[in-house]
Amino acid sequence: STDGGTNWYTERMIDVFQNQTTPFKEYKY
């Protein structure tokens, strides 16, 4: 957001996390 949170831009789904142990993974936005 560039207006204090009134509008949000370029929302991206990063990942779906399951209820289990997973190793760290690097993500980029």
All heavy atoms as atom14 arrays in JSON, in Angstrom:
{
  "sequence": "STDGGTNWYTERMIDVFQNQTTPFKEYKY",
  "atom14_mask": [
    [1, 1, 1, 1, 1, 1, 0, 0, 0, 0, 0, 0, 0, 0],
    [1, 1, 1, 1, 1, 1, 1, 0, 0, 0, 0, 0, 0, 0],
    [1, 1, 1, 1, 1, 1, 1, 1, 0, 0, 0, 0, 0, 0],
    [1, 1, 1, 1, 0, 0, 0, 0, 0, 0, 0, 0, 0, 0],
    [1, 1, 1, 1, 0, 0, 0, 0, 0, 0, 0, 0, 0, 0],
    [1, 1, 1, 1, 1, 1, 1, 0, 0, 0, 0, 0, 0, 0],
    [1, 1, 1, 1, 1, 1, 1, 1, 0, 0, 0, 0, 0, 0],
    [1, 1, 1, 1, 1, 1, 1, 1, 1, 1, 1, 1, 1, 1],
    [1, 1, 1, 1, 1, 1, 1, 1, 1, 1, 1, 1, 0, 0],
    [1, 1, 1, 1, 1, 1, 1, 0, 0, 0, 0, 0, 0, 0],
    [1, 1, 1, 1, 1, 1, 1, 1, 1, 0, 0, 0, 0, 0],
    [1, 1, 1, 1, 1, 1, 1, 1, 1, 1, 1, 0, 0, 0],
    [1, 1, 1, 1, 1, 1, 1, 1, 0, 0, 0, 0, 0, 0],
    [1, 1, 1, 1, 1, 1, 1, 1, 0, 0, 0, 0, 0, 0],
    [1, 1, 1, 1, 1, 1, 1, 1, 0, 0, 0, 0, 0, 0],
    [1, 1, 1, 1, 1, 1, 1, 0, 0, 0, 0, 0, 0, 0],
    [1, 1, 1, 1, 1, 1, 1, 1, 1, 1, 1, 0, 0, 0],
    [1, 1, 1, 1, 1, 1, 1, 1, 1, 0, 0, 0, 0, 0],
    [1, 1, 1, 1, 1, 1, 1, 1, 0, 0, 0, 0, 0, 0],
    [1, 1, 1, 1, 1, 1, 1, 1, 1, 0, 0, 0, 0, 0],
    [1, 1, 1, 1, 1, 1, 1, 0, 0, 0, 0, 0, 0, 0],
    [1, 1, 1, 1, 1, 1, 1, 0, 0, 0, 0, 0, 0, 0],
    [1, 1, 1, 1, 1, 1, 1, 0, 0, 0, 0, 0, 0, 0],
    [1, 1, 1, 1, 1, 1, 1, 1, 1, 1, 1, 0, 0, 0],
    [1, 1, 1, 1, 1, 1, 1, 1, 1, 0, 0, 0, 0, 0],
    [1, 1, 1, 1, 1, 1, 1, 1, 1, 0, 0, 0, 0, 0],
    [1, 1, 1, 1, 1, 1, 1, 1, 1, 1, 1, 1, 0, 0],
    [1, 1, 1, 1, 1, 1, 1, 1, 1, 0, 0, 0, 0, 0],
    [1, 1, 1, 1, 1, 1, 1, 1, 1, 1, 1, 1, 0, 0]
  ],
  "atom14_positions": [
    [[0.84, -1.19, 0.0], [0.0, 0.0, 0.0], [0.88, 1.25, 0.0], [1.95, 1.27, 0.61], [-0.9, 0.02, 1.23], [-1.66, 1.22, 1.29], [0.0, 0.0, 0.0], [0.0, 0.0, 0.0], [0.0, 0.0, 0.0], [0.0, 0.0, 0.0], [0.0, 0.0, 0.0], [0.0, 0.0, 0.0], [0.0, 0.0, 0.0], [0.0, 0.0, 0.0]],
    [[0.4, 2.28, -0.67], [1.11, 3.57, -0.68], [0.24, 4.69, -0.11], [0.62, 5.85, -0.17], [1.53, 3.95, -2.12], [0.36, 4.03, -2.95], [2.5, 2.91, -2.69], [0.0, 0.0, 0.0], [0.0, 0.0, 0.0], [0.0, 0.0, 0.0], [0.0, 0.0, 0.0], [0.0, 0.0, 0.0], [0.0, 0.0, 0.0], [0.0, 0.0, 0.0]],
    [[-0.92, 4.33, 0.44], [-1.82, 5.36, 0.97], [-2.27, 5.04, 2.4], [-3.41, 5.3, 2.78], [-3.03, 5.55, 0.06], [-3.81, 4.26, -0.16], [-3.52, 3.25, 0.52], [-4.72, 4.26, -1.01], [0.0, 0.0, 0.0], [0.0, 0.0, 0.0], [0.0, 0.0, 0.0], [0.0, 0.0, 0.0], [0.0, 0.0, 0.0], [0.0, 0.0, 0.0]],
    [[-1.37, 4.45, 3.17], [-1.68, 4.18, 4.57], [-2.56, 2.98, 4.81], [-3.1, 2.81, 5.9], [0.0, 0.0, 0.0], [0.0, 0.0, 0.0], [0.0, 0.0, 0.0], [0.0, 0.0, 0.0], [0.0, 0.0, 0.0], [0.0, 0.0, 0.0], [0.0, 0.0, 0.0], [0.0, 0.0, 0.0], [0.0, 0.0, 0.0], [0.0, 0.0, 0.0]],
    [[-2.74, 2.14, 3.8], [-3.54, 0.93, 3.96], [-4.95, 1.03, 3.44], [-5.73, 0.07, 3.57], [0.0, 0.0, 0.0], [0.0, 0.0, 0.0], [0.0, 0.0, 0.0], [0.0, 0.0, 0.0], [0.0, 0.0, 0.0], [0.0, 0.0, 0.0], [0.0, 0.0, 0.0], [0.0, 0.0, 0.0], [0.0, 0.0, 0.0], [0.0, 0.0, 0.0]],
    [[-5.31, 2.16, 2.83], [-6.66, 2.28, 2.24], [-6.81, 1.35, 1.04], [-7.83, 0.68, 0.88], [-6.93, 3.73, 1.81], [-6.83, 4.58, 2.96], [-8.32, 3.86, 1.21], [0.0, 0.0, 0.0], [0.0, 0.0, 0.0], [0.0, 0.0, 0.0], [0.0, 0.0, 0.0], [0.0, 0.0, 0.0], [0.0, 0.0, 0.0], [0.0, 0.0, 0.0]],
    [[-5.79, 1.31, 0.2], [-5.78, 0.43, -0.98], [-4.52, -0.43, -0.94], [-3.44, 0.05, -0.56], [-5.81, 1.24, -2.27], [-7.09, 2.05, -2.42], [-8.15, 1.5, -2.67], [-6.99, 3.36, -2.26], [0.0, 0.0, 0.0], [0.0, 0.0, 0.0], [0.0, 0.0, 0.0], [0.0, 0.0, 0.0], [0.0, 0.0, 0.0], [0.0, 0.0, 0.0]],
    [[-4.68, -1.69, -1.37], [-3.55, -2.61, -1.4], [-3.34, -3.1, -2.83], [-4.3, -3.45, -3.52], [-3.8, -3.8, -0.46], [-3.83, -3.38, 0.98], [-4.93, -3.04, 1.71], [-2.7, -3.22, 1.83], [-4.55, -2.68, 2.98], [-3.18, -2.78, 3.09], [-1.32, -3.39, 1.67], [-2.35, -2.52, 4.17], [-0.48, -3.13, 2.74], [-0.98, -2.71, 3.97]],
    [[-2.07, -3.13, -3.26], [-1.74, -3.44, -4.64], [-0.92, -4.73, -4.71], [-0.18, -5.08, -3.79], [-0.94, -2.31, -5.28], [-1.67, -0.98, -5.27], [-1.4, -0.03, -4.29], [-2.65, -0.69, -6.21], [-2.08, 1.19, -4.27], [-3.34, 0.52, -6.19], [-3.04, 1.45, -5.22], [-3.72, 2.64, -5.19], [0.0, 0.0, 0.0], [0.0, 0.0, 0.0]],
    [[-1.03, -5.4, -5.85], [-0.21, -6.56, -6.18], [-0.22, -7.57, -5.05], [0.83, -7.98, -4.55], [1.24, -6.13, -6.52], [1.22, -4.98, -7.36], [1.98, -7.24, -7.27], [0.0, 0.0, 0.0], [0.0, 0.0, 0.0], [0.0, 0.0, 0.0], [0.0, 0.0, 0.0], [0.0, 0.0, 0.0], [0.0, 0.0, 0.0], [0.0, 0.0, 0.0]],
    [[-1.42, -7.98, -4.63], [-1.49, -9.04, -3.63], [-1.08, -10.36, -4.29], [-1.62, -10.75, -5.31], [-2.9, -9.17, -3.06], [-2.99, -10.25, -1.98], [-4.35, -10.33, -1.35], [-5.29, -10.76, -2.04], [-4.49, -9.95, -0.17], [0.0, 0.0, 0.0], [0.0, 0.0, 0.0], [0.0, 0.0, 0.0], [0.0, 0.0, 0.0], [0.0, 0.0, 0.0]],
    [[-0.13, -11.03, -3.67], [0.38, -12.29, -4.22], [0.23, -13.4, -3.19], [0.54, -13.21, -2.02], [1.85, -12.14, -4.61], [2.46, -13.42, -5.13], [3.95, -13.28, -5.37], [4.58, -14.58, -5.49], [5.88, -14.8, -5.41], [6.69, -13.78, -5.21], [6.38, -16.01, -5.51], [0.0, 0.0, 0.0], [0.0, 0.0, 0.0], [0.0, 0.0, 0.0]],
    [[-0.28, -14.53, -3.64], [-0.31, -15.71, -2.79], [1.09, -16.31, -2.76], [1.6, -16.76, -3.79], [-1.31, -16.74, -3.31], [-1.47, -17.92, -2.37], [-2.56, -19.22, -3.02], [-1.43, -20.01, -4.18], [0.0, 0.0, 0.0], [0.0, 0.0, 0.0], [0.0, 0.0, 0.0], [0.0, 0.0, 0.0], [0.0, 0.0, 0.0], [0.0, 0.0, 0.0]],
    [[1.71, -16.33, -1.59], [3.09, -16.79, -1.48], [3.17, -18.3, -1.48], [3.94, -18.9, -2.22], [3.73, -16.21, -0.2], [3.75, -14.68, -0.25], [5.14, -16.77, 0.0], [4.54, -14.09, -1.39], [0.0, 0.0, 0.0], [0.0, 0.0, 0.0], [0.0, 0.0, 0.0], [0.0, 0.0, 0.0], [0.0, 0.0, 0.0], [0.0, 0.0, 0.0]],
    [[2.34, -18.94, -0.63], [2.36, -20.4, -0.58], [1.2, -20.89, 0.29], [0.62, -20.13, 1.07], [3.68, -20.93, 0.01], [4.02, -22.33, -0.49], [3.14, -22.99, -1.09], [5.17, -22.77, -0.28], [0.0, 0.0, 0.0], [0.0, 0.0, 0.0], [0.0, 0.0, 0.0], [0.0, 0.0, 0.0], [0.0, 0.0, 0.0], [0.0, 0.0, 0.0]],
    [[0.89, -22.17, 0.13], [-0.09, -22.85, 0.98], [0.69, -23.75, 1.93], [1.42, -24.64, 1.5], [-1.08, -23.69, 0.14], [-2.08, -24.41, 1.05], [-1.8, -22.81, -0.87], [0.0, 0.0, 0.0], [0.0, 0.0, 0.0], [0.0, 0.0, 0.0], [0.0, 0.0, 0.0], [0.0, 0.0, 0.0], [0.0, 0.0, 0.0], [0.0, 0.0, 0.0]],
    [[0.54, -23.5, 3.23], [1.28, -24.25, 4.24], [0.37, -25.3, 4.88], [-0.7, -24.97, 5.39], [1.84, -23.3, 5.31], [2.89, -22.37, 4.8], [2.55, -21.12, 4.3], [4.22, -22.74, 4.79], [3.52, -20.26, 3.81], [5.2, -21.89, 4.3], [4.84, -20.65, 3.81], [0.0, 0.0, 0.0], [0.0, 0.0, 0.0], [0.0, 0.0, 0.0]],
    [[0.81, -26.55, 4.84], [0.05, -27.64, 5.43], [0.39, -27.78, 6.92], [1.39, -27.24, 7.4], [0.37, -28.95, 4.7], [0.14, -28.91, 3.21], [-1.31, -28.66, 2.84], [-2.22, -29.08, 3.54], [-1.53, -27.96, 1.72], [0.0, 0.0, 0.0], [0.0, 0.0, 0.0], [0.0, 0.0, 0.0], [0.0, 0.0, 0.0], [0.0, 0.0, 0.0]],
    [[-0.46, -28.5, 7.64], [-0.26, -28.68, 9.08], [0.75, -29.81, 9.31], [0.4, -30.91, 9.75], [-1.59, -28.99, 9.77], [-1.56, -28.63, 11.24], [-0.56, -28.84, 11.91], [-2.64, -28.07, 11.74], [0.0, 0.0, 0.0], [0.0, 0.0, 0.0], [0.0, 0.0, 0.0], [0.0, 0.0, 0.0], [0.0, 0.0, 0.0], [0.0, 0.0, 0.0]],
    [[1.98, -29.51, 8.98], [3.06, -30.49, 9.1], [4.39, -29.75, 9.14], [4.45, -28.55, 8.87], [3.04, -31.45, 7.91], [3.23, -30.77, 6.57], [2.99, -31.69, 5.39], [2.21, -32.63, 5.49], [3.65, -31.43, 4.27], [0.0, 0.0, 0.0], [0.0, 0.0, 0.0], [0.0, 0.0, 0.0], [0.0, 0.0, 0.0], [0.0, 0.0, 0.0]],
    [[5.44, -30.47, 9.48], [6.77, -29.87, 9.55], [7.38, -29.78, 8.15], [7.45, -30.78, 7.43], [7.69, -30.7, 10.46], [7.14, -30.75, 11.77], [9.08, -30.09, 10.52], [0.0, 0.0, 0.0], [0.0, 0.0, 0.0], [0.0, 0.0, 0.0], [0.0, 0.0, 0.0], [0.0, 0.0, 0.0], [0.0, 0.0, 0.0], [0.0, 0.0, 0.0]],
    [[7.78, -28.58, 7.78], [8.48, -28.38, 6.51], [9.74, -27.57, 6.78], [9.8, -26.8, 7.73], [7.59, -27.63, 5.49], [7.25, -26.35, 6.02], [6.33, -28.42, 5.19], [0.0, 0.0, 0.0], [0.0, 0.0, 0.0], [0.0, 0.0, 0.0], [0.0, 0.0, 0.0], [0.0, 0.0, 0.0], [0.0, 0.0, 0.0], [0.0, 0.0, 0.0]],
    [[10.78, -27.72, 5.96], [12.01, -26.93, 6.15], [11.81, -25.5, 5.68], [10.87, -25.19, 4.93], [13.03, -27.66, 5.29], [12.21, -28.28, 4.19], [10.9, -28.68, 4.84], [0.0, 0.0, 0.0], [0.0, 0.0, 0.0], [0.0, 0.0, 0.0], [0.0, 0.0, 0.0], [0.0, 0.0, 0.0], [0.0, 0.0, 0.0], [0.0, 0.0, 0.0]],
    [[12.69, -24.62, 6.12], [12.65, -23.25, 5.64], [12.84, -23.23, 4.12], [13.65, -23.95, 3.56], [13.76, -22.42, 6.28], [13.35, -21.73, 7.56], [14.04, -21.94, 8.73], [12.27, -20.85, 7.56], [13.66, -21.3, 9.91], [11.88, -20.2, 8.72], [12.58, -20.42, 9.9], [0.0, 0.0, 0.0], [0.0, 0.0, 0.0], [0.0, 0.0, 0.0]],
    [[12.06, -22.36, 3.48], [12.16, -22.13, 2.04], [12.21, -20.63, 1.81], [11.53, -19.87, 2.51], [10.95, -22.74, 1.32], [10.91, -22.51, -0.17], [9.66, -23.13, -0.79], [9.53, -22.82, -2.27], [8.31, -23.43, -2.87], [0.0, 0.0, 0.0], [0.0, 0.0, 0.0], [0.0, 0.0, 0.0], [0.0, 0.0, 0.0], [0.0, 0.0, 0.0]],
    [[13.02, -20.19, 0.85], [13.11, -18.77, 0.56], [12.02, -18.37, -0.43], [11.78, -19.05, -1.43], [14.48, -18.41, -0.01], [14.64, -16.91, -0.22], [16.0, -16.52, -0.76], [16.35, -16.95, -1.88], [16.72, -15.79, -0.07], [0.0, 0.0, 0.0], [0.0, 0.0, 0.0], [0.0, 0.0, 0.0], [0.0, 0.0, 0.0], [0.0, 0.0, 0.0]],
    [[11.38, -17.23, -0.15], [10.36, -16.68, -1.02], [10.75, -15.26, -1.41], [11.45, -14.56, -0.66], [9.0, -16.66, -0.32], [8.48, -18.03, 0.04], [8.77, -18.59, 1.29], [7.72, -18.77, -0.86], [8.31, -19.85, 1.62], [7.25, -20.03, -0.52], [7.55, -20.56, 0.72], [7.09, -21.81, 1.04], [0.0, 0.0, 0.0], [0.0, 0.0, 0.0]],
    [[10.26, -14.82, -2.57], [10.55, -13.47, -3.05], [9.27, -12.8, -3.52], [8.41, -13.44, -4.13], [11.57, -13.5, -4.2], [11.99, -12.12, -4.68], [12.99, -12.22, -5.82], [13.37, -10.85, -6.35], [14.28, -10.92, -7.51], [0.0, 0.0, 0.0], [0.0, 0.0, 0.0], [0.0, 0.0, 0.0], [0.0, 0.0, 0.0], [0.0, 0.0, 0.0]],
    [[9.17, -11.52, -3.23], [8.02, -10.71, -3.65], [8.57, -9.39, -4.18], [9.36, -8.73, -3.5], [7.1, -10.47, -2.47], [6.01, -9.43, -2.68], [4.81, -9.77, -3.3], [6.17, -8.12, -2.25], [3.8, -8.83, -3.48], [5.17, -7.17, -2.42], [3.99, -7.53, -3.03], [3.01, -6.6, -3.2], [0.0, 0.0, 0.0], [0.0, 0.0, 0.0]]
  ]
}
